[in-house]
């Protein structure tokens, strides 16, 4: 009996499918404040997490876990932990930028109907993981790929997503019962939105600008400053 091939032919996407992929990439935004209160249906959440779970991972270790958080009391505790860290963060910027920093609305934890904490179990693949033998951070990078998959899938579903990174990990672990050995990679806020910025919000509000791509591409070897 002939063996069944586990390979399939690779063909380019149709123009419309290809354009849809690029459209999700180019119109994805980090949403901070514009969430509607209506819940994200369970079947949609499952689709989003399935997309995240199909991210590439070194050694196929799939080191991620996803903690979904809807309870308002829990989110209030997390928002308080964020607020404390955010006050500290504001003081780290030059005085002339502190007012601009404080003007950015970062209310997704309370306003978004769904929060997701994405973690990385660095022990899941054992002591020696294919592909991680010389770079121990590859499991963290793999988990970030899962976050990106989730973000693009959310954009395709018309769902806004924001990544909150201003926490002390110890505070978040205590609130969510995360073991010390587990790394927190991302805290995400998700919900439907009525509109998105045409360009990144931080660019629109003058915080930073997109760098020209041609300045970031080198041929054959490093060509920038040392």
Protein backbone atom coordinates (compact mmCIF):
# COMPACT_ATOMS: atom_id res chain seq x y z
CA UNK A 1 0.00 0.00 0.00
CA UNK A 2 1.49 3.38 -0.96
CA UNK A 3 2.47 5.71 1.82
CA UNK A 4 0.28 8.75 2.32
CA UNK A 5 2.31 11.94 1.87
CA UNK A 6 2.30 14.35 4.82
CA UNK A 7 3.28 17.21 2.52
CA UNK A 8 1.04 19.46 0.48
CA UNK A 9 1.83 21.70 -2.43
CA UNK A 10 2.52 25.36 -1.73
CA UNK A 11 0.67 27.86 -3.88
CA UNK A 12 0.46 31.64 -3.45
CA UNK A 13 -2.74 32.91 -1.90
CA UNK A 14 -5.33 34.35 -4.22
CA UNK A 15 -4.95 38.13 -4.61
CA UNK A 16 -7.94 38.76 -2.33
CA UNK A 17 -6.67 36.39 0.37
CA UNK A 18 -3.17 37.84 0.14
CA UNK A 19 -4.52 41.37 0.42
CA UNK A 20 -6.56 40.38 3.48
CA UNK A 21 -3.40 39.20 5.26
CA UNK A 22 -1.54 42.42 4.52
CA UNK A 23 -4.60 44.47 5.45
CA UNK A 24 -4.66 42.85 8.90
CA UNK A 25 -0.97 43.59 9.33
CA UNK A 26 -1.10 47.21 8.21
CA UNK A 27 -4.32 48.16 10.04
CA UNK A 28 -3.56 46.42 13.36
CA UNK A 29 -3.40 48.95 16.19
CA UNK A 30 -2.61 48.95 19.89
CA UNK A 31 -5.94 49.97 21.43
CA UNK A 32 -5.79 51.72 24.79
CA UNK A 33 -9.17 53.25 25.51
CA UNK A 34 -11.77 52.87 22.77
CA UNK A 35 -13.37 49.56 23.79
CA UNK A 36 -17.12 48.91 23.68
CA UNK A 37 -18.58 47.07 26.70
CA UNK A 38 -20.34 44.27 24.78
CA UNK A 39 -18.72 40.88 25.45
CA UNK A 40 -16.63 38.91 22.99
CA UNK A 41 -18.59 35.67 22.26
CA UNK A 42 -17.03 32.42 23.41
CA UNK A 43 -16.75 31.02 19.89
CA UNK A 44 -14.79 34.10 18.81
CA UNK A 45 -12.48 33.81 21.82
CA UNK A 46 -11.88 30.18 20.86
CA UNK A 47 -10.97 31.19 17.32
CA UNK A 48 -8.55 33.82 18.60
CA UNK A 49 -6.84 31.45 21.00
CA UNK A 50 -6.70 28.73 18.35
CA UNK A 51 -4.87 31.18 16.08
CA UNK A 52 -2.47 31.98 18.92
CA UNK A 53 -1.91 28.28 19.59
CA UNK A 54 -0.89 27.77 15.94
CA UNK A 55 2.07 30.13 16.25
CA UNK A 56 5.51 28.74 15.48
CA UNK A 57 7.44 27.53 18.52
CA UNK A 58 11.03 26.41 18.83
CA UNK A 59 11.29 22.64 19.20
CA UNK A 60 7.47 22.59 18.94
CA UNK A 61 7.46 23.09 22.71
CA UNK A 62 4.35 25.33 22.67
CA UNK A 63 5.34 27.04 25.92
CA UNK A 64 2.32 29.32 26.22
CA UNK A 65 -0.72 29.41 28.48
CA UNK A 66 -3.62 31.84 28.23
CA UNK A 67 -5.45 33.12 31.32
CA UNK A 68 -8.77 34.72 30.35
CA UNK A 69 -9.98 37.37 32.79
CA UNK A 70 -13.50 38.79 32.74
CA UNK A 71 -14.27 39.29 36.44
CA UNK A 72 -14.48 43.00 37.19
CA UNK A 73 -13.15 42.65 40.73
CA UNK A 74 -10.02 40.90 39.51
CA UNK A 75 -9.55 43.50 36.79
CA UNK A 76 -9.88 46.29 39.33
CA UNK A 77 -7.02 44.78 41.34
CA UNK A 78 -4.92 44.47 38.20
CA UNK A 79 -5.75 48.06 37.21
CA UNK A 80 -4.60 49.24 40.64
CA UNK A 81 -1.30 47.38 40.21
CA UNK A 82 -0.91 48.96 36.79
CA UNK A 83 -1.67 52.43 38.17
CA UNK A 84 1.07 52.14 40.77
CA UNK A 85 3.61 51.02 38.16
CA UNK A 86 2.42 53.68 35.72
CA UNK A 87 3.07 56.43 38.26
CA UNK A 88 6.60 55.08 38.63
CA UNK A 89 7.01 54.94 34.85
CA UNK A 90 6.00 58.57 34.41
CA UNK A 91 8.85 59.65 36.68
CA UNK A 92 11.36 57.85 34.46
CA UNK A 93 10.81 60.20 31.53
CA UNK A 94 12.34 63.67 31.21
CA UNK A 95 10.19 66.29 32.87
CA UNK A 96 9.18 67.80 29.53
CA UNK A 97 7.69 64.45 28.43
CA UNK A 98 5.91 63.52 31.65
CA UNK A 99 2.76 65.50 30.91
CA UNK A 100 2.53 63.96 27.43
CA UNK A 101 2.96 60.51 28.94
CA UNK A 102 0.24 61.08 31.52
CA UNK A 103 -2.14 62.34 28.81
CA UNK A 104 -2.14 58.95 27.09
CA UNK A 105 -5.29 57.09 28.10
CA UNK A 106 -4.55 53.56 29.24
CA UNK A 107 -7.94 52.34 30.42
CA UNK A 108 -8.18 49.00 28.63
CA UNK A 109 -7.92 46.88 31.77
CA UNK A 110 -11.19 48.23 33.12
CA UNK A 111 -12.99 49.02 29.86
CA UNK A 112 -12.22 46.00 27.69
CA UNK A 113 -14.64 43.13 28.41
CA UNK A 114 -11.89 40.53 28.05
CA UNK A 115 -8.35 40.52 29.40
CA UNK A 116 -5.87 37.75 28.59
CA UNK A 117 -2.58 37.09 30.34
CA UNK A 118 -0.15 35.16 28.13
CA UNK A 119 2.57 33.23 29.93
CA UNK A 120 5.59 31.11 29.04
CA UNK A 121 6.41 27.82 30.78
CA UNK A 122 10.15 27.61 30.25
CA UNK A 123 10.28 24.02 31.51
CA UNK A 124 7.66 22.58 29.18
CA UNK A 125 10.14 21.12 26.70
CA UNK A 126 12.50 19.71 29.31
CA UNK A 127 16.07 20.71 30.04
CA UNK A 128 17.25 20.41 26.43
CA UNK A 129 14.95 21.72 23.69
CA UNK A 130 15.63 21.38 19.99
CA UNK A 131 16.54 24.84 18.72
CA UNK A 132 17.00 26.34 22.20
CA UNK A 133 20.37 24.75 22.90
CA UNK A 134 22.30 27.95 22.25
CA UNK A 135 19.69 30.66 22.77
CA UNK A 136 17.64 30.07 25.91
CA UNK A 137 15.25 32.89 25.03
CA UNK A 138 13.73 31.15 22.02
CA UNK A 139 10.76 29.98 24.10
CA UNK A 140 9.99 33.59 25.02
CA UNK A 141 10.26 34.61 21.37
CA UNK A 142 7.90 31.77 20.44
CA UNK A 143 5.33 33.05 22.92
CA UNK A 144 5.57 36.52 21.40
CA UNK A 145 4.72 34.91 18.04
CA UNK A 146 1.54 33.56 19.67
CA UNK A 147 0.68 37.09 20.80
CA UNK A 148 1.14 38.39 17.25
CA UNK A 149 -1.08 35.64 15.84
CA UNK A 150 -3.73 36.56 18.38
CA UNK A 151 -3.44 40.26 17.49
CA UNK A 152 -3.86 39.70 13.75
CA UNK A 153 -6.76 37.31 14.27
CA UNK A 154 -8.42 39.90 16.52
CA UNK A 155 -8.06 42.53 13.80
CA UNK A 156 -9.68 40.18 11.29
CA UNK A 157 -12.60 39.73 13.73
CA UNK A 158 -13.06 43.49 14.17
CA UNK A 159 -11.76 43.27 17.73
CA UNK A 160 -9.34 45.79 19.17
CA UNK A 161 -6.44 44.65 21.32
CA UNK A 162 -4.00 46.46 23.57
CA UNK A 163 -0.79 45.17 25.15
CA UNK A 164 -0.23 46.39 28.72
CA UNK A 165 3.36 45.97 29.88
CA UNK A 166 3.56 48.37 32.81
CA UNK A 167 3.44 46.02 35.80
CA UNK A 168 5.62 44.54 38.44
CA UNK A 169 5.44 40.86 37.56
CA UNK A 170 5.25 39.91 41.23
CA UNK A 171 2.02 41.91 41.61
CA UNK A 172 0.39 40.27 38.61
CA UNK A 173 1.52 36.80 39.65
CA UNK A 174 0.06 37.29 43.13
CA UNK A 175 -3.31 38.43 41.77
CA UNK A 176 -3.59 35.64 39.16
CA UNK A 177 -1.95 32.86 41.15
CA UNK A 178 0.85 32.38 38.61
CA UNK A 179 3.76 30.23 39.89
CA UNK A 180 7.08 31.98 40.26
CA UNK A 181 8.75 29.76 37.65
CA UNK A 182 6.29 30.91 34.94
CA UNK A 183 7.21 33.99 32.89
CA UNK A 184 4.56 36.60 32.11
CA UNK A 185 4.98 37.64 28.49
CA UNK A 186 1.93 39.79 27.77
CA UNK A 187 -1.17 41.22 29.42
CA UNK A 188 -3.76 41.90 26.72
CA UNK A 189 -7.02 43.82 26.65
CA UNK A 190 -9.58 42.83 24.00
CA UNK A 191 -12.97 44.12 22.92
CA UNK A 192 -14.96 45.41 20.01
CA UNK A 193 -14.21 48.95 18.85
CA UNK A 194 -16.05 51.32 16.55
CA UNK A 195 -12.96 52.81 14.95
CA UNK A 196 -9.19 52.57 14.88
CA UNK A 197 -6.51 55.15 14.27
CA UNK A 198 -5.35 55.21 10.65
CA UNK A 199 -1.79 55.39 11.96
CA UNK A 200 -0.41 54.20 15.31
CA UNK A 201 -1.79 56.32 18.14
CA UNK A 202 1.67 57.19 19.46
CA UNK A 203 2.60 58.47 16.01
CA UNK A 204 -0.64 60.46 15.69
CA UNK A 205 -0.05 62.05 19.09
CA UNK A 206 3.56 62.92 18.35
CA UNK A 207 5.23 60.52 20.77
CA UNK A 208 7.31 58.85 18.06
CA UNK A 209 7.39 58.20 14.32
CA UNK A 210 7.76 55.16 12.09
CA UNK A 211 11.37 54.76 10.98
CA UNK A 212 12.02 54.58 7.23
CA UNK A 213 12.41 50.93 6.22
CA UNK A 214 15.40 51.68 3.99
CA UNK A 215 17.36 52.83 7.05
CA UNK A 216 16.85 49.46 8.72
CA UNK A 217 17.95 47.11 5.92
CA UNK A 218 21.61 46.12 5.67
CA UNK A 219 23.18 44.02 2.93
CA UNK A 220 25.38 41.05 3.91
CA UNK A 221 26.66 42.53 7.21
CA UNK A 222 26.03 45.18 9.85
CA UNK A 223 26.35 48.66 8.39
CA UNK A 224 25.15 50.94 11.16
CA UNK A 225 26.95 52.55 14.07
CA UNK A 226 28.98 50.26 16.30
